[in-house]
Amino acid sequence: MTTYVISGAGRGIGLELTRQLQDRGDTVIALCRRADQALADTGADVIEGIDLTSDASMRELRERLGDTPVDVLVNNAGVLTRENLDSLDFDAIRRQFEVNTLGPLRLTATLLGNLESGSRVAIVTSRMGSIADNGSGGYYGYRASKAAVNAVGMSLARDLADRGIAVALLHPGMVATDMTGGNGIPPSQAAAGLIQRIDALDLDSTGTWWHANGDVLPW
């Protein structure tokens, strides 16, 4: 039985990851700010009140988990706002960096003591963080925060390799969630692809940026 910790598990991709992993017999510790019945119905061990921007919240999480071994950490939580050059909101941009970039780093650092040789870390990023693939501009905070978390993920892959811990950067595709206004593929399809990539992750592929469909993405 594999134990997963998933952030942002209360809705969208995180909820679907939790549901599918629980259904196949894995154990999920689901982190969220506020839990609802849909998450409770998955049967996961739910820890609510988790704020990835708060060091105090991370200390509380560490105490809650104690020495529980974590086989897979999925950094899924994220936020998106739609700034363009004529409507820059620097507070919103900072918020996206706090959640999308520093959140995965803070959570991974918090749970380092729970990760063992053979554990895996997944960071759900976005193709919008690709510099080479940016053909439309805009989305200043989201694009920059996702490009930055890609750099964080690569550094984690290098720093954790000697500990036997593999790291993957994962793009789920355009997924129909609240974040995208309901446009895209179903969360169930995205989650299934992400699970395939996580299952295949090892030290030979650590530091790779994957599309959920198996394609390697350009930085």
N, C-alpha and C. Protein backbone atom coordinates (compact mmCIF):
# COMPACT_ATOMS: atom_id res chain seq x y z
N MET A 1 0.84 -1.20 0.00
CA MET A 1 0.00 0.00 0.00
C MET A 1 0.88 1.25 0.00
N THR A 2 0.57 2.17 -0.90
CA THR A 2 1.36 3.39 -1.06
C THR A 2 0.66 4.55 -0.37
N THR A 3 1.41 5.34 0.38
CA THR A 3 0.85 6.50 1.06
C THR A 3 1.20 7.77 0.31
N TYR A 4 0.16 8.50 -0.08
CA TYR A 4 0.29 9.76 -0.79
C TYR A 4 -0.10 10.91 0.12
N VAL A 5 0.58 12.03 -0.02
CA VAL A 5 0.13 13.31 0.53
C VAL A 5 -0.15 14.21 -0.66
N ILE A 6 -1.35 14.77 -0.73
CA ILE A 6 -1.76 15.61 -1.86
C ILE A 6 -2.23 16.96 -1.33
N SER A 7 -1.62 18.03 -1.82
CA SER A 7 -2.08 19.37 -1.45
C SER A 7 -3.16 19.82 -2.43
N GLY A 8 -3.99 20.75 -1.99
CA GLY A 8 -5.08 21.23 -2.84
C GLY A 8 -6.05 20.12 -3.20
N ALA A 9 -6.33 19.24 -2.23
CA ALA A 9 -7.14 18.05 -2.51
C ALA A 9 -8.64 18.30 -2.44
N GLY A 10 -9.05 19.51 -2.14
CA GLY A 10 -10.46 19.76 -1.90
C GLY A 10 -11.31 19.87 -3.15
N ARG A 11 -10.68 20.07 -4.30
CA ARG A 11 -11.48 20.25 -5.52
C ARG A 11 -10.63 19.97 -6.75
N GLY A 12 -11.27 19.96 -7.90
CA GLY A 12 -10.58 19.85 -9.17
C GLY A 12 -9.69 18.63 -9.29
N ILE A 13 -8.48 18.86 -9.79
CA ILE A 13 -7.55 17.76 -10.03
C ILE A 13 -7.18 17.07 -8.72
N GLY A 14 -6.97 17.84 -7.66
CA GLY A 14 -6.59 17.24 -6.38
C GLY A 14 -7.64 16.30 -5.85
N LEU A 15 -8.90 16.69 -5.97
CA LEU A 15 -9.99 15.82 -5.52
C LEU A 15 -10.04 14.56 -6.36
N GLU A 16 -9.87 14.69 -7.65
CA GLU A 16 -9.93 13.52 -8.52
C GLU A 16 -8.74 12.59 -8.31
N LEU A 17 -7.55 13.16 -8.10
CA LEU A 17 -6.40 12.33 -7.74
C LEU A 17 -6.68 11.53 -6.47
N THR A 18 -7.22 12.21 -5.48
CA THR A 18 -7.55 11.55 -4.21
C THR A 18 -8.53 10.42 -4.42
N ARG A 19 -9.57 10.68 -5.19
CA ARG A 19 -10.61 9.68 -5.44
C ARG A 19 -10.04 8.45 -6.15
N GLN A 20 -9.27 8.68 -7.22
CA GLN A 20 -8.76 7.55 -8.00
C GLN A 20 -7.73 6.74 -7.23
N LEU A 21 -6.88 7.41 -6.47
CA LEU A 21 -5.87 6.69 -5.69
C LEU A 21 -6.51 5.89 -4.56
N GLN A 22 -7.49 6.47 -3.88
CA GLN A 22 -8.20 5.74 -2.84
C GLN A 22 -8.93 4.53 -3.43
N ASP A 23 -9.53 4.73 -4.60
CA ASP A 23 -10.31 3.65 -5.22
C ASP A 23 -9.43 2.46 -5.61
N ARG A 24 -8.16 2.72 -5.91
CA ARG A 24 -7.30 1.60 -6.31
C ARG A 24 -6.56 0.98 -5.11
N GLY A 25 -6.85 1.50 -3.91
CA GLY A 25 -6.32 0.88 -2.71
C GLY A 25 -5.16 1.56 -2.05
N ASP A 26 -4.75 2.73 -2.58
CA ASP A 26 -3.70 3.50 -1.93
C ASP A 26 -4.27 4.28 -0.75
N THR A 27 -3.38 4.80 0.08
CA THR A 27 -3.77 5.64 1.21
C THR A 27 -3.44 7.08 0.88
N VAL A 28 -4.41 7.97 1.00
CA VAL A 28 -4.20 9.38 0.69
C VAL A 28 -4.41 10.23 1.94
N ILE A 29 -3.44 11.07 2.23
CA ILE A 29 -3.58 12.12 3.22
C ILE A 29 -3.85 13.39 2.43
N ALA A 30 -5.08 13.86 2.51
CA ALA A 30 -5.57 14.95 1.65
C ALA A 30 -5.49 16.27 2.40
N LEU A 31 -4.69 17.19 1.87
CA LEU A 31 -4.51 18.51 2.49
C LEU A 31 -5.39 19.53 1.78
N CYS A 32 -6.06 20.36 2.54
CA CYS A 32 -6.90 21.39 1.93
C CYS A 32 -7.13 22.51 2.93
N ARG A 33 -7.62 23.62 2.44
CA ARG A 33 -7.98 24.72 3.34
C ARG A 33 -9.33 24.45 3.99
N ARG A 34 -10.28 23.99 3.17
CA ARG A 34 -11.62 23.68 3.69
C ARG A 34 -12.11 22.40 3.04
N ALA A 35 -12.53 21.44 3.83
CA ALA A 35 -13.03 20.17 3.31
C ALA A 35 -14.53 20.23 3.12
N ASP A 36 -15.03 19.48 2.12
CA ASP A 36 -16.47 19.35 1.94
C ASP A 36 -16.82 17.87 1.85
N GLN A 37 -18.09 17.58 1.60
CA GLN A 37 -18.54 16.21 1.62
C GLN A 37 -17.90 15.37 0.51
N ALA A 38 -17.66 15.99 -0.64
CA ALA A 38 -17.06 15.24 -1.76
C ALA A 38 -15.71 14.67 -1.37
N LEU A 39 -14.91 15.45 -0.66
CA LEU A 39 -13.61 14.96 -0.23
C LEU A 39 -13.76 13.91 0.87
N ALA A 40 -14.66 14.13 1.79
CA ALA A 40 -14.90 13.16 2.86
C ALA A 40 -15.35 11.82 2.28
N ASP A 41 -16.13 11.86 1.22
CA ASP A 41 -16.65 10.63 0.61
C ASP A 41 -15.57 9.78 -0.04
N THR A 42 -14.39 10.34 -0.30
CA THR A 42 -13.32 9.55 -0.89
C THR A 42 -12.73 8.54 0.08
N GLY A 43 -12.93 8.78 1.38
CA GLY A 43 -12.34 7.91 2.38
C GLY A 43 -10.92 8.28 2.75
N ALA A 44 -10.41 9.37 2.18
CA ALA A 44 -9.05 9.81 2.50
C ALA A 44 -8.97 10.34 3.93
N ASP A 45 -7.75 10.37 4.44
CA ASP A 45 -7.47 11.02 5.73
C ASP A 45 -7.32 12.51 5.45
N VAL A 46 -8.31 13.29 5.81
CA VAL A 46 -8.36 14.71 5.45
C VAL A 46 -7.77 15.57 6.56
N ILE A 47 -6.85 16.44 6.18
CA ILE A 47 -6.32 17.44 7.10
C ILE A 47 -6.65 18.80 6.50
N GLU A 48 -7.58 19.51 7.13
CA GLU A 48 -7.98 20.81 6.58
C GLU A 48 -7.33 21.94 7.37
N GLY A 49 -7.51 23.14 6.87
CA GLY A 49 -6.90 24.30 7.48
C GLY A 49 -5.44 24.48 7.09
N ILE A 50 -5.01 23.81 6.00
CA ILE A 50 -3.62 23.88 5.57
C ILE A 50 -3.44 25.06 4.62
N ASP A 51 -2.57 25.98 4.99
CA ASP A 51 -2.25 27.16 4.19
C ASP A 51 -0.79 27.07 3.78
N LEU A 52 -0.53 26.86 2.50
CA LEU A 52 0.84 26.67 2.02
C LEU A 52 1.69 27.93 2.12
N THR A 53 1.07 29.07 2.38
CA THR A 53 1.84 30.30 2.50
C THR A 53 2.23 30.59 3.95
N SER A 54 1.86 29.70 4.87
CA SER A 54 2.05 29.95 6.29
C SER A 54 3.04 28.99 6.91
N ASP A 55 4.12 29.52 7.48
CA ASP A 55 5.07 28.66 8.18
C ASP A 55 4.42 28.01 9.40
N ALA A 56 3.53 28.72 10.06
CA ALA A 56 2.85 28.16 11.22
C ALA A 56 2.00 26.96 10.82
N SER A 57 1.33 27.07 9.68
CA SER A 57 0.53 25.97 9.18
C SER A 57 1.40 24.76 8.86
N MET A 58 2.58 25.01 8.31
CA MET A 58 3.50 23.91 8.01
C MET A 58 3.99 23.24 9.29
N ARG A 59 4.25 24.02 10.33
CA ARG A 59 4.67 23.42 11.60
C ARG A 59 3.56 22.55 12.16
N GLU A 60 2.32 23.01 12.04
CA GLU A 60 1.18 22.22 12.52
C GLU A 60 1.06 20.92 11.73
N LEU A 61 1.26 21.00 10.42
CA LEU A 61 1.19 19.80 9.59
C LEU A 61 2.26 18.80 9.99
N ARG A 62 3.47 19.28 10.22
CA ARG A 62 4.56 18.40 10.62
C ARG A 62 4.20 17.67 11.92
N GLU A 63 3.60 18.39 12.84
CA GLU A 63 3.19 17.78 14.11
C GLU A 63 2.08 16.75 13.88
N ARG A 64 1.15 17.07 12.99
CA ARG A 64 0.04 16.14 12.71
C ARG A 64 0.54 14.85 12.09
N LEU A 65 1.49 14.94 11.19
CA LEU A 65 1.98 13.75 10.51
C LEU A 65 2.99 12.96 11.34
N GLY A 66 3.71 13.65 12.23
CA GLY A 66 4.69 12.95 13.03
C GLY A 66 5.71 12.26 12.16
N ASP A 67 5.95 10.96 12.43
CA ASP A 67 6.94 10.22 11.65
C ASP A 67 6.29 9.33 10.59
N THR A 68 5.05 9.66 10.16
CA THR A 68 4.36 8.88 9.14
C THR A 68 5.17 8.88 7.84
N PRO A 69 5.55 7.71 7.32
CA PRO A 69 6.29 7.69 6.06
C PRO A 69 5.40 8.13 4.90
N VAL A 70 5.96 8.93 4.01
CA VAL A 70 5.24 9.40 2.82
C VAL A 70 5.95 8.84 1.60
N ASP A 71 5.23 8.02 0.84
CA ASP A 71 5.80 7.43 -0.37
C ASP A 71 5.78 8.41 -1.54
N VAL A 72 4.69 9.17 -1.65
CA VAL A 72 4.55 10.12 -2.76
C VAL A 72 3.95 11.41 -2.23
N LEU A 73 4.64 12.52 -2.51
CA LEU A 73 4.12 13.85 -2.19
C LEU A 73 3.71 14.51 -3.50
N VAL A 74 2.45 14.90 -3.60
CA VAL A 74 1.95 15.57 -4.80
C VAL A 74 1.64 17.02 -4.46
N ASN A 75 2.48 17.92 -4.95
CA ASN A 75 2.28 19.36 -4.77
C ASN A 75 1.32 19.83 -5.86
N ASN A 76 0.04 19.86 -5.53
CA ASN A 76 -0.99 20.14 -6.53
C ASN A 76 -1.63 21.52 -6.39
N ALA A 77 -1.67 22.07 -5.18
CA ALA A 77 -2.38 23.32 -4.95
C ALA A 77 -1.83 24.45 -5.81
N GLY A 78 -2.71 25.28 -6.33
CA GLY A 78 -2.27 26.41 -7.14
C GLY A 78 -3.38 27.42 -7.33
N VAL A 79 -3.00 28.64 -7.72
CA VAL A 79 -3.96 29.69 -8.00
C VAL A 79 -3.59 30.35 -9.32
N LEU A 80 -4.59 30.93 -9.98
CA LEU A 80 -4.38 31.61 -11.25
C LEU A 80 -5.19 32.89 -11.29
N THR A 81 -4.55 34.00 -11.64
CA THR A 81 -5.27 35.22 -11.99
C THR A 81 -4.78 35.68 -13.35
N ARG A 82 -5.54 36.55 -13.99
CA ARG A 82 -5.34 36.81 -15.42
C ARG A 82 -4.87 38.24 -15.67
N GLU A 83 -3.65 38.54 -15.26
CA GLU A 83 -3.11 39.88 -15.50
C GLU A 83 -2.65 40.01 -16.95
N ASN A 84 -2.88 41.18 -17.52
CA ASN A 84 -2.19 41.53 -18.77
C ASN A 84 -1.46 42.85 -18.54
N LEU A 85 -0.78 43.33 -19.55
CA LEU A 85 0.09 44.50 -19.37
C LEU A 85 -0.70 45.75 -19.02
N ASP A 86 -1.98 45.80 -19.36
CA ASP A 86 -2.81 46.96 -19.07
C ASP A 86 -3.58 46.83 -17.76
N SER A 87 -3.46 45.69 -17.09
CA SER A 87 -4.20 45.49 -15.83
C SER A 87 -3.35 44.70 -14.84
N LEU A 88 -2.15 45.20 -14.57
CA LEU A 88 -1.26 44.50 -13.66
C LEU A 88 -1.71 44.69 -12.21
N ASP A 89 -1.78 43.57 -11.50
CA ASP A 89 -2.13 43.58 -10.08
C ASP A 89 -0.98 42.89 -9.35
N PHE A 90 -0.08 43.68 -8.79
CA PHE A 90 1.13 43.12 -8.22
C PHE A 90 0.86 42.33 -6.95
N ASP A 91 -0.20 42.65 -6.23
CA ASP A 91 -0.56 41.84 -5.07
C ASP A 91 -0.98 40.44 -5.52
N ALA A 92 -1.74 40.38 -6.60
CA ALA A 92 -2.16 39.08 -7.13
C ALA A 92 -0.97 38.30 -7.66
N ILE A 93 -0.04 38.99 -8.29
CA ILE A 93 1.16 38.33 -8.80
C ILE A 93 1.97 37.75 -7.64
N ARG A 94 2.13 38.53 -6.57
CA ARG A 94 2.86 38.02 -5.40
C ARG A 94 2.15 36.81 -4.79
N ARG A 95 0.83 36.86 -4.75
CA ARG A 95 0.06 35.73 -4.21
C ARG A 95 0.32 34.46 -5.02
N GLN A 96 0.39 34.59 -6.33
CA GLN A 96 0.65 33.41 -7.16
C GLN A 96 2.04 32.85 -6.91
N PHE A 97 3.02 33.72 -6.70
CA PHE A 97 4.35 33.23 -6.34
C PHE A 97 4.33 32.52 -5.00
N GLU A 98 3.62 33.07 -4.03
CA GLU A 98 3.55 32.44 -2.72
C GLU A 98 2.97 31.03 -2.78
N VAL A 99 1.88 30.89 -3.54
CA VAL A 99 1.19 29.59 -3.61
C VAL A 99 1.85 28.66 -4.62
N ASN A 100 2.07 29.15 -5.84
CA ASN A 100 2.49 28.28 -6.94
C ASN A 100 3.97 27.93 -6.90
N THR A 101 4.79 28.85 -6.40
CA THR A 101 6.24 28.63 -6.40
C THR A 101 6.76 28.25 -5.02
N LEU A 102 6.51 29.10 -4.04
CA LEU A 102 7.03 28.84 -2.70
C LEU A 102 6.24 27.75 -1.99
N GLY A 103 4.96 27.60 -2.32
CA GLY A 103 4.14 26.57 -1.68
C GLY A 103 4.72 25.18 -1.83
N PRO A 104 5.02 24.72 -3.06
CA PRO A 104 5.62 23.39 -3.21
C PRO A 104 6.97 23.25 -2.51
N LEU A 105 7.78 24.31 -2.55
CA LEU A 105 9.07 24.25 -1.88
C LEU A 105 8.88 24.16 -0.37
N ARG A 106 7.97 24.97 0.15
CA ARG A 106 7.73 24.97 1.60
C ARG A 106 7.18 23.62 2.06
N LEU A 107 6.23 23.05 1.30
CA LEU A 107 5.63 21.78 1.70
C LEU A 107 6.65 20.64 1.59
N THR A 108 7.43 20.63 0.53
CA THR A 108 8.43 19.58 0.37
C THR A 108 9.47 19.65 1.49
N ALA A 109 9.91 20.85 1.82
CA ALA A 109 10.88 21.01 2.90
C ALA A 109 10.28 20.57 4.24
N THR A 110 9.01 20.88 4.44
CA THR A 110 8.33 20.50 5.68
C THR A 110 8.30 18.98 5.86
N LEU A 111 8.12 18.25 4.75
CA LEU A 111 7.94 16.80 4.83
C LEU A 111 9.20 16.02 4.49
N LEU A 112 10.34 16.69 4.44
CA LEU A 112 11.58 15.98 4.12
C LEU A 112 11.82 14.81 5.07
N GLY A 113 11.51 14.99 6.33
CA GLY A 113 11.73 13.92 7.30
C GLY A 113 10.81 12.74 7.12
N ASN A 114 9.73 12.91 6.37
CA ASN A 114 8.79 11.82 6.11
C ASN A 114 9.10 11.08 4.82
N LEU A 115 9.94 11.69 3.97
CA LEU A 115 10.32 11.07 2.70
C LEU A 115 11.54 10.18 2.91
N GLU A 116 11.51 9.02 2.26
CA GLU A 116 12.59 8.06 2.42
C GLU A 116 13.15 7.71 1.05
N SER A 117 14.25 6.96 1.02
CA SER A 117 14.78 6.48 -0.25
C SER A 117 13.69 5.68 -0.97
N GLY A 118 13.44 6.02 -2.22
CA GLY A 118 12.36 5.40 -2.98
C GLY A 118 11.10 6.24 -3.02
N SER A 119 11.02 7.27 -2.18
CA SER A 119 9.87 8.18 -2.23
C SER A 119 9.93 9.00 -3.52
N ARG A 120 8.78 9.58 -3.87
CA ARG A 120 8.69 10.41 -5.07
C ARG A 120 8.00 11.72 -4.74
N VAL A 121 8.41 12.78 -5.44
CA VAL A 121 7.79 14.09 -5.29
C VAL A 121 7.31 14.54 -6.66
N ALA A 122 6.04 14.91 -6.75
CA ALA A 122 5.46 15.43 -7.99
C ALA A 122 5.04 16.87 -7.76
N ILE A 123 5.36 17.72 -8.72
CA ILE A 123 4.90 19.11 -8.70
C ILE A 123 4.00 19.32 -9.90
N VAL A 124 2.74 19.65 -9.64
CA VAL A 124 1.81 19.93 -10.73
C VAL A 124 2.03 21.38 -11.16
N THR A 125 2.65 21.54 -12.31
CA THR A 125 2.95 22.85 -12.84
C THR A 125 2.04 23.10 -14.05
N SER A 126 2.50 23.89 -14.99
CA SER A 126 1.67 24.20 -16.16
C SER A 126 2.55 24.47 -17.36
N ARG A 127 2.06 24.10 -18.52
CA ARG A 127 2.77 24.42 -19.75
C ARG A 127 2.90 25.93 -19.94
N MET A 128 2.04 26.69 -19.27
CA MET A 128 2.13 28.15 -19.35
C MET A 128 3.41 28.67 -18.69
N GLY A 129 4.13 27.82 -17.97
CA GLY A 129 5.41 28.20 -17.41
C GLY A 129 6.57 27.99 -18.37
N SER A 130 6.28 27.48 -19.57
CA SER A 130 7.34 27.29 -20.55
C SER A 130 7.69 28.62 -21.20
N ILE A 131 8.97 28.96 -21.19
CA ILE A 131 9.43 30.18 -21.87
C ILE A 131 9.45 29.96 -23.38
N ALA A 132 9.91 28.78 -23.80
CA ALA A 132 9.98 28.49 -25.23
C ALA A 132 8.60 28.42 -25.88
N ASP A 133 7.58 28.03 -25.10
CA ASP A 133 6.26 27.77 -25.65
C ASP A 133 5.31 28.95 -25.50
N ASN A 134 5.80 30.07 -24.97
CA ASN A 134 4.94 31.23 -24.75
C ASN A 134 4.74 31.99 -26.06
N GLY A 135 3.60 31.75 -26.69
CA GLY A 135 3.31 32.42 -27.95
C GLY A 135 2.24 33.48 -27.87
N SER A 136 1.71 33.72 -26.65
CA SER A 136 0.58 34.64 -26.55
C SER A 136 0.74 35.71 -25.48
N GLY A 137 1.77 35.63 -24.63
CA GLY A 137 2.00 36.66 -23.62
C GLY A 137 0.96 36.66 -22.51
N GLY A 138 0.93 37.77 -21.75
CA GLY A 138 -0.04 37.92 -20.69
C GLY A 138 0.18 36.95 -19.53
N TYR A 139 -0.81 36.89 -18.65
CA TYR A 139 -0.78 35.99 -17.49
C TYR A 139 0.55 36.11 -16.74
N TYR A 140 0.94 37.33 -16.42
CA TYR A 140 2.29 37.57 -15.91
C TYR A 140 2.58 36.80 -14.63
N GLY A 141 1.67 36.82 -13.69
CA GLY A 141 1.92 36.14 -12.43
C GLY A 141 1.91 34.63 -12.57
N TYR A 142 0.95 34.11 -13.31
CA TYR A 142 0.84 32.66 -13.44
C TYR A 142 2.02 32.09 -14.22
N ARG A 143 2.31 32.69 -15.37
CA ARG A 143 3.42 32.19 -16.18
C ARG A 143 4.74 32.24 -15.39
N ALA A 144 5.00 33.37 -14.76
CA ALA A 144 6.27 33.53 -14.05
C ALA A 144 6.36 32.60 -12.84
N SER A 145 5.26 32.44 -12.12
CA SER A 145 5.28 31.57 -10.94
C SER A 145 5.46 30.11 -11.33
N LYS A 146 4.92 29.71 -12.47
CA LYS A 146 5.08 28.33 -12.92
C LYS A 146 6.47 28.10 -13.51
N ALA A 147 7.02 29.09 -14.21
CA ALA A 147 8.41 28.97 -14.66
C ALA A 147 9.34 28.84 -13.46
N ALA A 148 9.05 29.61 -12.41
CA ALA A 148 9.88 29.57 -11.21
C ALA A 148 9.77 28.23 -10.49
N VAL A 149 8.57 27.66 -10.42
CA VAL A 149 8.44 26.37 -9.74
C VAL A 149 9.11 25.27 -10.55
N ASN A 150 9.18 25.44 -11.87
CA ASN A 150 9.95 24.48 -12.66
C ASN A 150 11.42 24.49 -12.24
N ALA A 151 11.96 25.69 -12.00
CA ALA A 151 13.34 25.79 -11.52
C ALA A 151 13.48 25.17 -10.13
N VAL A 152 12.49 25.41 -9.27
CA VAL A 152 12.49 24.79 -7.94
C VAL A 152 12.50 23.27 -8.06
N GLY A 153 11.65 22.75 -8.94
CA GLY A 153 11.57 21.31 -9.11
C GLY A 153 12.87 20.70 -9.60
N MET A 154 13.54 21.38 -10.52
CA MET A 154 14.82 20.87 -11.02
C MET A 154 15.86 20.87 -9.91
N SER A 155 15.90 21.92 -9.10
CA SER A 155 16.85 21.94 -7.99
C SER A 155 16.53 20.84 -6.98
N LEU A 156 15.26 20.62 -6.70
CA LEU A 156 14.89 19.53 -5.79
C LEU A 156 15.32 18.18 -6.34
N ALA A 157 15.16 18.00 -7.66
CA ALA A 157 15.58 16.74 -8.28
C ALA A 157 17.07 16.50 -8.07
N ARG A 158 17.85 17.55 -8.21
CA ARG A 158 19.30 17.42 -8.02
C ARG A 158 19.65 17.19 -6.55
N ASP A 159 19.02 17.96 -5.66
CA ASP A 159 19.36 17.89 -4.24
C ASP A 159 18.88 16.60 -3.57
N LEU A 160 17.80 16.01 -4.08
CA LEU A 160 17.23 14.82 -3.44
C LEU A 160 17.70 13.51 -4.06
N ALA A 161 18.41 13.59 -5.18
CA ALA A 161 18.83 12.36 -5.85
C ALA A 161 19.69 11.48 -4.96
N ASP A 162 20.60 12.09 -4.20
CA ASP A 162 21.48 11.30 -3.32
C ASP A 162 20.70 10.63 -2.20
N ARG A 163 19.51 11.13 -1.93
CA ARG A 163 18.67 10.51 -0.90
C ARG A 163 17.76 9.43 -1.50
N GLY A 164 17.86 9.24 -2.81
CA GLY A 164 17.03 8.22 -3.47
C GLY A 164 15.62 8.67 -3.74
N ILE A 165 15.40 9.99 -3.78
CA ILE A 165 14.06 10.55 -3.97
C ILE A 165 13.99 11.18 -5.36
N ALA A 166 13.02 10.76 -6.17
CA ALA A 166 12.85 11.26 -7.53
C ALA A 166 11.79 12.35 -7.55
N VAL A 167 11.96 13.30 -8.48
CA VAL A 167 11.07 14.46 -8.59
C VAL A 167 10.60 14.59 -10.03
N ALA A 168 9.31 14.83 -10.21
CA ALA A 168 8.75 15.07 -11.55
C ALA A 168 7.99 16.38 -11.55
N LEU A 169 8.09 17.10 -12.67
CA LEU A 169 7.26 18.26 -12.95
C LEU A 169 6.19 17.81 -13.93
N LEU A 170 4.93 18.08 -13.62
CA LEU A 170 3.83 17.49 -14.38
C LEU A 170 2.82 18.55 -14.81
N HIS A 171 2.53 18.57 -16.11
CA HIS A 171 1.49 19.42 -16.67
C HIS A 171 0.26 18.56 -16.93
N PRO A 172 -0.88 18.89 -16.32
CA PRO A 172 -2.05 18.02 -16.45
C PRO A 172 -2.81 18.18 -17.75
N GLY A 173 -2.47 19.20 -18.54
CA GLY A 173 -3.28 19.56 -19.69
C GLY A 173 -4.23 20.68 -19.33
N MET A 174 -5.02 21.10 -20.27
CA MET A 174 -6.07 22.10 -20.03
C MET A 174 -7.26 21.37 -19.42
N VAL A 175 -7.51 21.63 -18.14
CA VAL A 175 -8.48 20.83 -17.38
C VAL A 175 -9.68 21.68 -17.00
N ALA A 176 -10.86 21.11 -17.12
CA ALA A 176 -12.10 21.82 -16.82
C ALA A 176 -12.29 21.92 -15.31
N THR A 177 -11.76 22.98 -14.72
CA THR A 177 -11.89 23.24 -13.28
C THR A 177 -12.36 24.67 -13.09
N ASP A 178 -12.55 25.06 -11.82
CA ASP A 178 -12.89 26.46 -11.53
C ASP A 178 -11.80 27.40 -12.04
N MET A 179 -10.55 26.95 -12.00
CA MET A 179 -9.43 27.78 -12.41
C MET A 179 -9.50 28.15 -13.89
N THR A 180 -10.02 27.23 -14.71
CA THR A 180 -10.08 27.46 -16.15
C THR A 180 -11.48 27.85 -16.63
N GLY A 181 -12.38 28.11 -15.68
CA GLY A 181 -13.75 28.46 -16.07
C GLY A 181 -14.51 27.30 -16.66
N GLY A 182 -14.11 26.08 -16.32
CA GLY A 182 -14.80 24.89 -16.81
C GLY A 182 -14.41 24.46 -18.20
N ASN A 183 -13.33 25.04 -18.75
CA ASN A 183 -12.88 24.70 -20.11
C ASN A 183 -11.77 23.65 -20.05
N GLY A 184 -11.86 22.63 -20.90
CA GLY A 184 -10.79 21.65 -20.99
C GLY A 184 -11.27 20.24 -20.79
N ILE A 185 -10.32 19.33 -20.59
CA ILE A 185 -10.64 17.92 -20.42
C ILE A 185 -11.17 17.68 -19.01
N PRO A 186 -11.89 16.58 -18.78
CA PRO A 186 -12.41 16.30 -17.43
C PRO A 186 -11.27 16.09 -16.43
N PRO A 187 -11.44 16.52 -15.19
CA PRO A 187 -10.42 16.26 -14.17
C PRO A 187 -10.08 14.78 -14.04
N SER A 188 -11.05 13.91 -14.26
CA SER A 188 -10.78 12.47 -14.15
C SER A 188 -9.74 12.02 -15.17
N GLN A 189 -9.81 12.55 -16.38
CA GLN A 189 -8.85 12.19 -17.42
C GLN A 189 -7.46 12.73 -17.08
N ALA A 190 -7.40 13.99 -16.62
CA ALA A 190 -6.12 14.58 -16.24
C ALA A 190 -5.49 13.81 -15.09
N ALA A 191 -6.29 13.47 -14.09
CA ALA A 191 -5.76 12.76 -12.93
C ALA A 191 -5.22 11.39 -13.32
N ALA A 192 -5.91 10.70 -14.20
CA ALA A 192 -5.44 9.37 -14.64
C ALA A 192 -4.08 9.48 -15.31
N GLY A 193 -3.88 10.51 -16.15
CA GLY A 193 -2.59 10.70 -16.80
C GLY A 193 -1.50 11.04 -15.81
N LEU A 194 -1.82 11.90 -14.84
CA LEU A 194 -0.83 12.25 -13.82
C LEU A 194 -0.41 11.03 -13.02
N ILE A 195 -1.36 10.20 -12.68
CA ILE A 195 -1.04 8.99 -11.91
C ILE A 195 -0.11 8.08 -12.70
N GLN A 196 -0.34 7.96 -14.00
CA GLN A 196 0.55 7.15 -14.83
C GLN A 196 1.98 7.68 -14.79
N ARG A 197 2.12 8.99 -14.88
CA ARG A 197 3.45 9.59 -14.86
C ARG A 197 4.11 9.38 -13.49
N ILE A 198 3.36 9.54 -12.42
CA ILE A 198 3.91 9.36 -11.07
C ILE A 198 4.31 7.91 -10.86
N ASP A 199 3.48 6.97 -11.31
CA ASP A 199 3.80 5.55 -11.16
C ASP A 199 5.11 5.19 -11.86
N ALA A 200 5.40 5.87 -12.98
CA ALA A 200 6.59 5.54 -13.77
C ALA A 200 7.84 6.30 -13.31
N LEU A 201 7.68 7.25 -12.40
CA LEU A 201 8.78 8.10 -11.98
C LEU A 201 9.84 7.31 -11.21
N ASP A 202 11.09 7.49 -11.60
CA ASP A 202 12.21 6.91 -10.87
C ASP A 202 13.42 7.83 -11.01
N LEU A 203 14.55 7.42 -10.46
CA LEU A 203 15.73 8.28 -10.49
C LEU A 203 16.29 8.47 -11.89
N ASP A 204 15.96 7.55 -12.81
CA ASP A 204 16.42 7.72 -14.19
C ASP A 204 15.69 8.87 -14.88
N SER A 205 14.46 9.16 -14.44
CA SER A 205 13.66 10.22 -15.09
C SER A 205 13.49 11.45 -14.21
N THR A 206 14.16 11.48 -13.07
CA THR A 206 13.98 12.61 -12.15
C THR A 206 14.38 13.92 -12.82
N GLY A 207 13.65 14.98 -12.51
CA GLY A 207 13.91 16.29 -13.10
C GLY A 207 13.31 16.51 -14.46
N THR A 208 12.49 15.58 -14.93
CA THR A 208 11.86 15.71 -16.24
C THR A 208 10.52 16.42 -16.11
N TRP A 209 10.21 17.24 -17.12
CA TRP A 209 8.93 17.95 -17.17
C TRP A 209 8.03 17.23 -18.17
N TRP A 210 6.99 16.61 -17.64
CA TRP A 210 6.11 15.78 -18.45
C TRP A 210 4.73 16.41 -18.64
N HIS A 211 4.17 16.25 -19.82
CA HIS A 211 2.73 16.39 -20.01
C HIS A 211 2.09 15.11 -19.47
N ALA A 212 0.88 15.20 -18.96
CA ALA A 212 0.21 14.02 -18.44
C ALA A 212 0.06 12.94 -19.50
N ASN A 213 0.09 13.32 -20.78
CA ASN A 213 -0.06 12.32 -21.85
C ASN A 213 1.24 11.61 -22.17
N GLY A 214 2.34 11.97 -21.49
CA GLY A 214 3.61 11.30 -21.67
C GLY A 214 4.63 12.08 -22.48
N ASP A 215 4.23 13.21 -23.06
CA ASP A 215 5.18 14.03 -23.82
C ASP A 215 6.12 14.76 -22.86
N VAL A 216 7.37 14.94 -23.28
CA VAL A 216 8.32 15.78 -22.54
C VAL A 216 8.17 17.20 -23.06
N LEU A 217 8.06 18.17 -22.16
CA LEU A 217 7.76 19.55 -22.53
C LEU A 217 9.02 20.41 -22.59
N PRO A 218 9.00 21.47 -23.40
CA PRO A 218 10.15 22.36 -23.53
C PRO A 218 10.19 23.38 -22.39
N TRP A 219 11.39 23.65 -21.91
CA TRP A 219 11.52 24.64 -20.84
C TRP A 219 11.22 26.03 -21.36
